[in-house]
Every structure is written in structure tokens, then in C-alpha cells.
Amino acid sequence: NNNAAIERFPITADVGGVVTELMAEQGDYLERGMPIYEIANLD
């Protein structure tokens, strides 16, 4: 509809919970499948 490419694509959370480990930093170059966060459900 916009007839334009999105340059910065968002990564959304697959599950809800609490971030227990931060596994990447801003500016890191990641390959497909590399981890960014560890999220845990504490219920």
C-alpha cells in the first residue's frame, strides 16, 4: 500500500514474561536465529 520498503523492521516478543537475560547489544550484527533475549514466565 505504501509502495515503499521498510528499512528498520521491528522484532516482536513471541511470548510474554520477564526478561531474565540480555543476550545482544545495540549495534550488534546478528545472523538469522541468533538470540537477543531470554524470557521467562514466573507464574
All heavy atoms as atom14 arrays in JSON, in Angstrom:
{
  "sequence": "NNNAAIERFPITADVGGVVTELMAEQGDYLERGMPIYEIANLD",
  "atom14_mask": [
    [1, 1, 1, 1, 1, 1, 1, 1, 0, 0, 0, 0, 0, 0],
    [1, 1, 1, 1, 1, 1, 1, 1, 0, 0, 0, 0, 0, 0],
    [1, 1, 1, 1, 1, 1, 1, 1, 0, 0, 0, 0, 0, 0],
    [1, 1, 1, 1, 1, 0, 0, 0, 0, 0, 0, 0, 0, 0],
    [1, 1, 1, 1, 1, 0, 0, 0, 0, 0, 0, 0, 0, 0],
    [1, 1, 1, 1, 1, 1, 1, 1, 0, 0, 0, 0, 0, 0],
    [1, 1, 1, 1, 1, 1, 1, 1, 1, 0, 0, 0, 0, 0],
    [1, 1, 1, 1, 1, 1, 1, 1, 1, 1, 1, 0, 0, 0],
    [1, 1, 1, 1, 1, 1, 1, 1, 1, 1, 1, 0, 0, 0],
    [1, 1, 1, 1, 1, 1, 1, 0, 0, 0, 0, 0, 0, 0],
    [1, 1, 1, 1, 1, 1, 1, 1, 0, 0, 0, 0, 0, 0],
    [1, 1, 1, 1, 1, 1, 1, 0, 0, 0, 0, 0, 0, 0],
    [1, 1, 1, 1, 1, 0, 0, 0, 0, 0, 0, 0, 0, 0],
    [1, 1, 1, 1, 1, 1, 1, 1, 0, 0, 0, 0, 0, 0],
    [1, 1, 1, 1, 1, 1, 1, 0, 0, 0, 0, 0, 0, 0],
    [1, 1, 1, 1, 0, 0, 0, 0, 0, 0, 0, 0, 0, 0],
    [1, 1, 1, 1, 0, 0, 0, 0, 0, 0, 0, 0, 0, 0],
    [1, 1, 1, 1, 1, 1, 1, 0, 0, 0, 0, 0, 0, 0],
    [1, 1, 1, 1, 1, 1, 1, 0, 0, 0, 0, 0, 0, 0],
    [1, 1, 1, 1, 1, 1, 1, 0, 0, 0, 0, 0, 0, 0],
    [1, 1, 1, 1, 1, 1, 1, 1, 1, 0, 0, 0, 0, 0],
    [1, 1, 1, 1, 1, 1, 1, 1, 0, 0, 0, 0, 0, 0],
    [1, 1, 1, 1, 1, 1, 1, 1, 0, 0, 0, 0, 0, 0],
    [1, 1, 1, 1, 1, 0, 0, 0, 0, 0, 0, 0, 0, 0],
    [1, 1, 1, 1, 1, 1, 1, 1, 1, 0, 0, 0, 0, 0],
    [1, 1, 1, 1, 1, 1, 1, 1, 1, 0, 0, 0, 0, 0],
    [1, 1, 1, 1, 0, 0, 0, 0, 0, 0, 0, 0, 0, 0],
    [1, 1, 1, 1, 1, 1, 1, 1, 0, 0, 0, 0, 0, 0],
    [1, 1, 1, 1, 1, 1, 1, 1, 1, 1, 1, 1, 0, 0],
    [1, 1, 1, 1, 1, 1, 1, 1, 0, 0, 0, 0, 0, 0],
    [1, 1, 1, 1, 1, 1, 1, 1, 1, 0, 0, 0, 0, 0],
    [1, 1, 1, 1, 1, 1, 1, 1, 1, 1, 1, 0, 0, 0],
    [1, 1, 1, 1, 0, 0, 0, 0, 0, 0, 0, 0, 0, 0],
    [1, 1, 1, 1, 1, 1, 1, 1, 0, 0, 0, 0, 0, 0],
    [1, 1, 1, 1, 1, 1, 1, 0, 0, 0, 0, 0, 0, 0],
    [1, 1, 1, 1, 1, 1, 1, 1, 0, 0, 0, 0, 0, 0],
    [1, 1, 1, 1, 1, 1, 1, 1, 1, 1, 1, 1, 0, 0],
    [1, 1, 1, 1, 1, 1, 1, 1, 1, 0, 0, 0, 0, 0],
    [1, 1, 1, 1, 1, 1, 1, 1, 0, 0, 0, 0, 0, 0],
    [1, 1, 1, 1, 1, 0, 0, 0, 0, 0, 0, 0, 0, 0],
    [1, 1, 1, 1, 1, 1, 1, 1, 0, 0, 0, 0, 0, 0],
    [1, 1, 1, 1, 1, 1, 1, 1, 0, 0, 0, 0, 0, 0],
    [1, 1, 1, 1, 1, 1, 1, 1, 0, 0, 0, 0, 0, 0]
  ],
  "atom14_positions": [
    [[0.83, -1.21, 0.0], [0.0, 0.0, 0.0], [0.86, 1.26, 0.0], [0.51, 2.26, -0.65], [-0.93, 0.02, 1.21], [-1.99, -1.07, 1.12], [-2.34, -1.52, 0.0], [-2.51, -1.51, 2.26], [0.0, 0.0, 0.0], [0.0, 0.0, 0.0], [0.0, 0.0, 0.0], [0.0, 0.0, 0.0], [0.0, 0.0, 0.0], [0.0, 0.0, 0.0]],
    [[1.97, 1.22, 0.75], [2.85, 2.39, 0.82], [3.79, 2.45, -0.38], [4.44, 3.49, -0.62], [3.68, 2.38, 2.1], [2.81, 2.56, 3.33], [1.76, 3.22, 3.27], [3.25, 1.99, 4.46], [0.0, 0.0, 0.0], [0.0, 0.0, 0.0], [0.0, 0.0, 0.0], [0.0, 0.0, 0.0], [0.0, 0.0, 0.0], [0.0, 0.0, 0.0]],
    [[3.9, 1.32, -1.11], [4.79, 1.24, -2.28], [6.21, 1.64, -1.91], [6.9, 2.31, -2.68], [4.26, 2.1, -3.44], [4.88, 1.72, -4.78], [5.26, 0.55, -4.99], [5.01, 2.67, -5.69], [0.0, 0.0, 0.0], [0.0, 0.0, 0.0], [0.0, 0.0, 0.0], [0.0, 0.0, 0.0], [0.0, 0.0, 0.0], [0.0, 0.0, 0.0]],
    [[6.61, 1.24, -0.67], [7.97, 1.59, -0.21], [8.44, 0.51, 0.76], [7.65, -0.06, 1.53], [7.99, 2.94, 0.46], [0.0, 0.0, 0.0], [0.0, 0.0, 0.0], [0.0, 0.0, 0.0], [0.0, 0.0, 0.0], [0.0, 0.0, 0.0], [0.0, 0.0, 0.0], [0.0, 0.0, 0.0], [0.0, 0.0, 0.0], [0.0, 0.0, 0.0]],
    [[9.75, 0.26, 0.75], [10.33, -0.77, 1.64], [10.51, -0.2, 3.06], [10.79, 0.99, 3.23], [11.66, -1.26, 1.09], [0.0, 0.0, 0.0], [0.0, 0.0, 0.0], [0.0, 0.0, 0.0], [0.0, 0.0, 0.0], [0.0, 0.0, 0.0], [0.0, 0.0, 0.0], [0.0, 0.0, 0.0], [0.0, 0.0, 0.0], [0.0, 0.0, 0.0]],
    [[10.33, -1.07, 4.04], [10.57, -0.68, 5.44], [12.04, -0.96, 5.76], [12.49, -2.09, 5.68], [9.66, -1.48, 6.39], [8.18, -1.24, 6.05], [9.93, -1.11, 7.84], [7.23, -2.11, 6.84], [0.0, 0.0, 0.0], [0.0, 0.0, 0.0], [0.0, 0.0, 0.0], [0.0, 0.0, 0.0], [0.0, 0.0, 0.0], [0.0, 0.0, 0.0]],
    [[12.77, 0.1, 6.12], [14.21, -0.07, 6.35], [14.51, -0.66, 7.73], [15.4, -1.51, 7.87], [14.92, 1.28, 6.19], [14.92, 1.78, 4.75], [15.81, 3.0, 4.58], [16.35, 3.49, 5.6], [15.96, 3.45, 3.44], [0.0, 0.0, 0.0], [0.0, 0.0, 0.0], [0.0, 0.0, 0.0], [0.0, 0.0, 0.0], [0.0, 0.0, 0.0]],
    [[13.84, -0.2, 8.79], [14.06, -0.71, 10.16], [12.85, -1.55, 10.55], [11.78, -1.02, 10.8], [14.27, 0.43, 11.14], [15.59, 1.16, 10.91], [15.71, 2.37, 11.82], [17.0, 3.02, 11.66], [17.3, 3.87, 10.66], [16.4, 4.14, 9.73], [18.5, 4.42, 10.6], [0.0, 0.0, 0.0], [0.0, 0.0, 0.0], [0.0, 0.0, 0.0]],
    [[13.08, -2.83, 10.58], [11.98, -3.75, 10.8], [11.88, -4.09, 12.29], [12.89, -4.38, 12.93], [12.17, -5.02, 9.98], [10.9, -5.52, 9.41], [10.45, -5.04, 8.18], [10.12, -6.43, 10.11], [9.26, -5.49, 7.66], [8.93, -6.88, 9.58], [8.49, -6.4, 8.35], [0.0, 0.0, 0.0], [0.0, 0.0, 0.0], [0.0, 0.0, 0.0]],
    [[10.69, -4.1, 12.9], [10.54, -4.4, 14.33], [10.62, -5.9, 14.62], [10.14, -6.71, 13.83], [9.16, -3.84, 14.67], [8.4, -3.96, 13.38], [9.4, -3.73, 12.28], [0.0, 0.0, 0.0], [0.0, 0.0, 0.0], [0.0, 0.0, 0.0], [0.0, 0.0, 0.0], [0.0, 0.0, 0.0], [0.0, 0.0, 0.0], [0.0, 0.0, 0.0]],
    [[11.24, -6.23, 15.79], [11.23, -7.61, 16.32], [10.27, -7.63, 17.5], [10.44, -6.89, 18.47], [12.62, -8.05, 16.79], [13.63, -7.99, 15.63], [12.58, -9.46, 17.38], [13.32, -8.93, 14.49], [0.0, 0.0, 0.0], [0.0, 0.0, 0.0], [0.0, 0.0, 0.0], [0.0, 0.0, 0.0], [0.0, 0.0, 0.0], [0.0, 0.0, 0.0]],
    [[9.24, -8.46, 17.41], [8.22, -8.5, 18.46], [8.38, -9.76, 19.33], [8.93, -10.78, 18.89], [6.81, -8.5, 17.85], [6.69, -9.61, 16.95], [6.57, -7.2, 17.08], [0.0, 0.0, 0.0], [0.0, 0.0, 0.0], [0.0, 0.0, 0.0], [0.0, 0.0, 0.0], [0.0, 0.0, 0.0], [0.0, 0.0, 0.0], [0.0, 0.0, 0.0]],
    [[7.9, -9.67, 20.56], [8.03, -10.78, 21.52], [7.1, -11.92, 21.13], [5.9, -11.7, 20.88], [7.7, -10.29, 22.93], [0.0, 0.0, 0.0], [0.0, 0.0, 0.0], [0.0, 0.0, 0.0], [0.0, 0.0, 0.0], [0.0, 0.0, 0.0], [0.0, 0.0, 0.0], [0.0, 0.0, 0.0], [0.0, 0.0, 0.0], [0.0, 0.0, 0.0]],
    [[7.66, -13.11, 21.07], [6.85, -14.3, 20.76], [6.04, -14.76, 21.97], [5.01, -15.41, 21.8], [7.76, -15.44, 20.3], [8.47, -15.1, 18.98], [7.95, -14.28, 18.21], [9.57, -15.66, 18.74], [0.0, 0.0, 0.0], [0.0, 0.0, 0.0], [0.0, 0.0, 0.0], [0.0, 0.0, 0.0], [0.0, 0.0, 0.0], [0.0, 0.0, 0.0]],
    [[6.53, -14.46, 23.19], [5.84, -14.86, 24.42], [5.88, -13.7, 25.4], [6.67, -12.75, 25.25], [6.51, -16.1, 25.07], [6.41, -17.32, 24.17], [7.95, -15.82, 25.44], [0.0, 0.0, 0.0], [0.0, 0.0, 0.0], [0.0, 0.0, 0.0], [0.0, 0.0, 0.0], [0.0, 0.0, 0.0], [0.0, 0.0, 0.0], [0.0, 0.0, 0.0]],
    [[5.03, -13.77, 26.41], [5.06, -12.78, 27.48], [5.81, -13.32, 28.68], [5.91, -14.53, 28.89], [0.0, 0.0, 0.0], [0.0, 0.0, 0.0], [0.0, 0.0, 0.0], [0.0, 0.0, 0.0], [0.0, 0.0, 0.0], [0.0, 0.0, 0.0], [0.0, 0.0, 0.0], [0.0, 0.0, 0.0], [0.0, 0.0, 0.0], [0.0, 0.0, 0.0]],
    [[6.36, -12.41, 29.5], [7.1, -12.83, 30.69], [8.05, -11.76, 31.17], [7.82, -10.56, 30.95], [0.0, 0.0, 0.0], [0.0, 0.0, 0.0], [0.0, 0.0, 0.0], [0.0, 0.0, 0.0], [0.0, 0.0, 0.0], [0.0, 0.0, 0.0], [0.0, 0.0, 0.0], [0.0, 0.0, 0.0], [0.0, 0.0, 0.0], [0.0, 0.0, 0.0]],
    [[9.12, -12.2, 31.81], [10.13, -11.29, 32.35], [11.45, -11.6, 31.68], [11.83, -12.76, 31.52], [10.25, -11.46, 33.88], [11.4, -10.62, 34.43], [8.95, -11.05, 34.55], [0.0, 0.0, 0.0], [0.0, 0.0, 0.0], [0.0, 0.0, 0.0], [0.0, 0.0, 0.0], [0.0, 0.0, 0.0], [0.0, 0.0, 0.0], [0.0, 0.0, 0.0]],
    [[12.15, -10.53, 31.26], [13.46, -10.72, 30.65], [14.45, -11.15, 31.73], [14.69, -10.41, 32.69], [13.94, -9.43, 29.97], [15.37, -9.6, 29.43], [13.0, -9.04, 28.83], [0.0, 0.0, 0.0], [0.0, 0.0, 0.0], [0.0, 0.0, 0.0], [0.0, 0.0, 0.0], [0.0, 0.0, 0.0], [0.0, 0.0, 0.0], [0.0, 0.0, 0.0]],
    [[15.01, -12.34, 31.59], [15.96, -12.84, 32.58], [17.4, -12.72, 32.11], [18.32, -12.82, 32.92], [15.66, -14.31, 32.91], [15.72, -15.09, 31.7], [14.3, -14.47, 33.55], [0.0, 0.0, 0.0], [0.0, 0.0, 0.0], [0.0, 0.0, 0.0], [0.0, 0.0, 0.0], [0.0, 0.0, 0.0], [0.0, 0.0, 0.0], [0.0, 0.0, 0.0]],
    [[17.61, -12.5, 30.81], [18.97, -12.33, 30.31], [18.95, -11.52, 29.02], [18.14, -11.77, 28.13], [19.63, -13.68, 30.06], [21.09, -13.57, 29.68], [21.77, -14.91, 29.51], [21.1, -15.94, 29.75], [22.95, -14.93, 29.11], [0.0, 0.0, 0.0], [0.0, 0.0, 0.0], [0.0, 0.0, 0.0], [0.0, 0.0, 0.0], [0.0, 0.0, 0.0]],
    [[19.83, -10.54, 28.94], [20.01, -9.74, 27.73], [21.2, -10.31, 26.98], [22.32, -10.34, 27.48], [20.28, -8.27, 28.12], [20.32, -7.25, 27.0], [18.97, -7.16, 26.29], [20.71, -5.88, 27.55], [0.0, 0.0, 0.0], [0.0, 0.0, 0.0], [0.0, 0.0, 0.0], [0.0, 0.0, 0.0], [0.0, 0.0, 0.0], [0.0, 0.0, 0.0]],
    [[20.96, -10.77, 25.74], [21.97, -11.55, 25.03], [22.56, -10.84, 23.82], [23.35, -11.4, 23.07], [21.36, -12.89, 24.6], [20.71, -13.63, 25.76], [19.9, -15.16, 25.29], [21.32, -16.23, 25.1], [0.0, 0.0, 0.0], [0.0, 0.0, 0.0], [0.0, 0.0, 0.0], [0.0, 0.0, 0.0], [0.0, 0.0, 0.0], [0.0, 0.0, 0.0]],
    [[22.18, -9.58, 23.6], [22.73, -8.8, 22.49], [22.71, -7.32, 22.87], [21.95, -6.9, 23.76], [21.96, -9.04, 21.2], [0.0, 0.0, 0.0], [0.0, 0.0, 0.0], [0.0, 0.0, 0.0], [0.0, 0.0, 0.0], [0.0, 0.0, 0.0], [0.0, 0.0, 0.0], [0.0, 0.0, 0.0], [0.0, 0.0, 0.0], [0.0, 0.0, 0.0]],
    [[23.55, -6.54, 22.2], [23.64, -5.11, 22.46], [23.29, -4.33, 21.19], [23.37, -4.85, 20.06], [25.05, -4.73, 22.92], [25.5, -5.4, 24.22], [24.75, -4.88, 25.43], [24.15, -3.79, 25.33], [24.76, -5.57, 26.48], [0.0, 0.0, 0.0], [0.0, 0.0, 0.0], [0.0, 0.0, 0.0], [0.0, 0.0, 0.0], [0.0, 0.0, 0.0]],
    [[22.91, -3.08, 21.4], [22.6, -2.22, 20.25], [23.84, -2.06, 19.39], [24.94, -1.82, 19.87], [22.12, -0.86, 20.76], [21.6, 0.04, 19.63], [20.88, 1.26, 20.17], [20.06, 1.14, 21.08], [21.2, 2.43, 19.63], [0.0, 0.0, 0.0], [0.0, 0.0, 0.0], [0.0, 0.0, 0.0], [0.0, 0.0, 0.0], [0.0, 0.0, 0.0]],
    [[23.65, -2.21, 18.05], [24.76, -2.12, 17.11], [25.32, -3.47, 16.72], [26.11, -3.55, 15.75], [0.0, 0.0, 0.0], [0.0, 0.0, 0.0], [0.0, 0.0, 0.0], [0.0, 0.0, 0.0], [0.0, 0.0, 0.0], [0.0, 0.0, 0.0], [0.0, 0.0, 0.0], [0.0, 0.0, 0.0], [0.0, 0.0, 0.0], [0.0, 0.0, 0.0]],
    [[24.93, -4.53, 17.43], [25.41, -5.87, 17.06], [24.78, -6.3, 15.73], [23.62, -5.99, 15.44], [25.04, -6.88, 18.13], [25.85, -6.69, 19.41], [26.83, -5.92, 19.38], [25.5, -7.32, 20.43], [0.0, 0.0, 0.0], [0.0, 0.0, 0.0], [0.0, 0.0, 0.0], [0.0, 0.0, 0.0], [0.0, 0.0, 0.0], [0.0, 0.0, 0.0]],
    [[25.56, -6.99, 14.93], [25.05, -7.57, 13.7], [24.75, -9.04, 13.96], [25.6, -9.8, 14.41], [26.06, -7.45, 12.55], [25.47, -7.84, 11.22], [24.84, -6.91, 10.41], [25.52, -9.17, 10.79], [24.28, -7.28, 9.2], [24.95, -9.55, 9.58], [24.33, -8.6, 8.79], [23.75, -8.95, 7.6], [0.0, 0.0, 0.0], [0.0, 0.0, 0.0]],
    [[23.52, -9.43, 13.71], [23.05, -10.78, 14.04], [22.69, -11.54, 12.78], [22.12, -10.99, 11.83], [21.82, -10.71, 14.95], [21.97, -9.93, 16.26], [20.66, -9.94, 17.03], [23.08, -10.52, 17.12], [0.0, 0.0, 0.0], [0.0, 0.0, 0.0], [0.0, 0.0, 0.0], [0.0, 0.0, 0.0], [0.0, 0.0, 0.0], [0.0, 0.0, 0.0]],
    [[23.03, -12.82, 12.81], [22.57, -13.71, 11.76], [21.18, -14.21, 12.13], [20.73, -14.11, 13.28], [23.53, -14.89, 11.59], [24.92, -14.5, 11.12], [24.93, -13.99, 9.69], [23.95, -14.28, 8.95], [25.88, -13.29, 9.31], [0.0, 0.0, 0.0], [0.0, 0.0, 0.0], [0.0, 0.0, 0.0], [0.0, 0.0, 0.0], [0.0, 0.0, 0.0]],
    [[20.52, -14.76, 11.17], [19.18, -15.27, 11.39], [19.22, -16.4, 12.44], [20.04, -17.31, 12.35], [18.6, -15.78, 10.08], [17.18, -16.27, 10.19], [16.69, -16.73, 8.83], [15.33, -17.23, 8.89], [14.67, -17.72, 7.86], [15.26, -17.78, 6.67], [13.44, -18.15, 7.99], [0.0, 0.0, 0.0], [0.0, 0.0, 0.0], [0.0, 0.0, 0.0]],
    [[18.35, -16.32, 13.46], [18.26, -17.35, 14.51], [19.13, -17.07, 15.73], [19.05, -17.83, 16.72], [0.0, 0.0, 0.0], [0.0, 0.0, 0.0], [0.0, 0.0, 0.0], [0.0, 0.0, 0.0], [0.0, 0.0, 0.0], [0.0, 0.0, 0.0], [0.0, 0.0, 0.0], [0.0, 0.0, 0.0], [0.0, 0.0, 0.0], [0.0, 0.0, 0.0]],
    [[19.92, -15.99, 15.72], [20.76, -15.68, 16.89], [19.9, -15.08, 18.0], [18.97, -14.31, 17.73], [21.89, -14.73, 16.5], [22.92, -15.38, 15.57], [24.3, -14.27, 15.15], [25.07, -14.11, 16.76], [0.0, 0.0, 0.0], [0.0, 0.0, 0.0], [0.0, 0.0, 0.0], [0.0, 0.0, 0.0], [0.0, 0.0, 0.0], [0.0, 0.0, 0.0]],
    [[20.2, -15.39, 19.29], [19.33, -14.94, 20.39], [19.55, -13.48, 20.75], [20.65, -12.95, 20.64], [19.77, -15.85, 21.55], [21.19, -16.19, 21.25], [21.29, -16.26, 19.75], [0.0, 0.0, 0.0], [0.0, 0.0, 0.0], [0.0, 0.0, 0.0], [0.0, 0.0, 0.0], [0.0, 0.0, 0.0], [0.0, 0.0, 0.0], [0.0, 0.0, 0.0]],
    [[18.46, -12.87, 21.21], [18.52, -11.48, 21.68], [18.2, -11.44, 23.18], [18.9, -10.78, 23.96], [17.53, -10.59, 20.91], [17.78, -10.69, 19.41], [17.64, -9.14, 21.37], [16.78, -9.92, 18.58], [0.0, 0.0, 0.0], [0.0, 0.0, 0.0], [0.0, 0.0, 0.0], [0.0, 0.0, 0.0], [0.0, 0.0, 0.0], [0.0, 0.0, 0.0]],
    [[17.14, -12.11, 23.59], [16.7, -12.11, 24.99], [16.4, -13.54, 25.44], [16.13, -14.42, 24.63], [15.41, -11.29, 25.18], [15.47, -9.86, 24.76], [14.98, -9.47, 23.51], [15.98, -8.89, 25.61], [15.0, -8.14, 23.12], [16.01, -7.56, 25.22], [15.51, -7.19, 23.98], [15.55, -5.88, 23.6], [0.0, 0.0, 0.0], [0.0, 0.0, 0.0]],
    [[16.39, -13.71, 26.78], [15.79, -14.9, 27.39], [14.64, -14.41, 28.24], [14.8, -13.56, 29.13], [16.8, -15.66, 28.26], [16.25, -16.99, 28.76], [17.3, -17.82, 29.49], [17.44, -17.62, 30.72], [17.99, -18.61, 28.83], [0.0, 0.0, 0.0], [0.0, 0.0, 0.0], [0.0, 0.0, 0.0], [0.0, 0.0, 0.0], [0.0, 0.0, 0.0]],
    [[13.47, -14.95, 27.97], [12.24, -14.5, 28.63], [11.65, -15.68, 29.4], [11.56, -16.8, 28.87], [11.22, -13.96, 27.61], [11.85, -12.79, 26.82], [9.94, -13.52, 28.28], [11.0, -12.31, 25.66], [0.0, 0.0, 0.0], [0.0, 0.0, 0.0], [0.0, 0.0, 0.0], [0.0, 0.0, 0.0], [0.0, 0.0, 0.0], [0.0, 0.0, 0.0]],
    [[11.24, -15.42, 30.64], [10.68, -16.49, 31.47], [9.35, -16.07, 32.03], [9.14, -14.91, 32.41], [11.64, -16.83, 32.62], [0.0, 0.0, 0.0], [0.0, 0.0, 0.0], [0.0, 0.0, 0.0], [0.0, 0.0, 0.0], [0.0, 0.0, 0.0], [0.0, 0.0, 0.0], [0.0, 0.0, 0.0], [0.0, 0.0, 0.0], [0.0, 0.0, 0.0]],
    [[8.45, -17.03, 32.1], [7.16, -16.84, 32.76], [7.31, -17.28, 34.21], [7.59, -18.44, 34.49], [6.09, -17.67, 32.05], [4.7, -17.41, 32.6], [4.53, -16.87, 33.69], [3.69, -17.81, 31.85], [0.0, 0.0, 0.0], [0.0, 0.0, 0.0], [0.0, 0.0, 0.0], [0.0, 0.0, 0.0], [0.0, 0.0, 0.0], [0.0, 0.0, 0.0]],
    [[7.13, -16.36, 35.17], [7.38, -16.64, 36.58], [6.12, -17.05, 37.33], [6.11, -17.07, 38.57], [8.01, -15.41, 37.26], [9.31, -14.91, 36.63], [9.87, -13.74, 37.42], [10.33, -16.03, 36.52], [0.0, 0.0, 0.0], [0.0, 0.0, 0.0], [0.0, 0.0, 0.0], [0.0, 0.0, 0.0], [0.0, 0.0, 0.0], [0.0, 0.0, 0.0]],
    [[5.04, -17.36, 36.62], [3.82, -17.82, 37.29], [4.03, -19.2, 37.92], [3.36, -19.57, 38.88], [2.65, -17.88, 36.31], [2.22, -16.48, 35.87], [2.6, -15.51, 36.54], [1.53, -16.37, 34.84], [0.0, 0.0, 0.0], [0.0, 0.0, 0.0], [0.0, 0.0, 0.0], [0.0, 0.0, 0.0], [0.0, 0.0, 0.0], [0.0, 0.0, 0.0]]
  ]
}
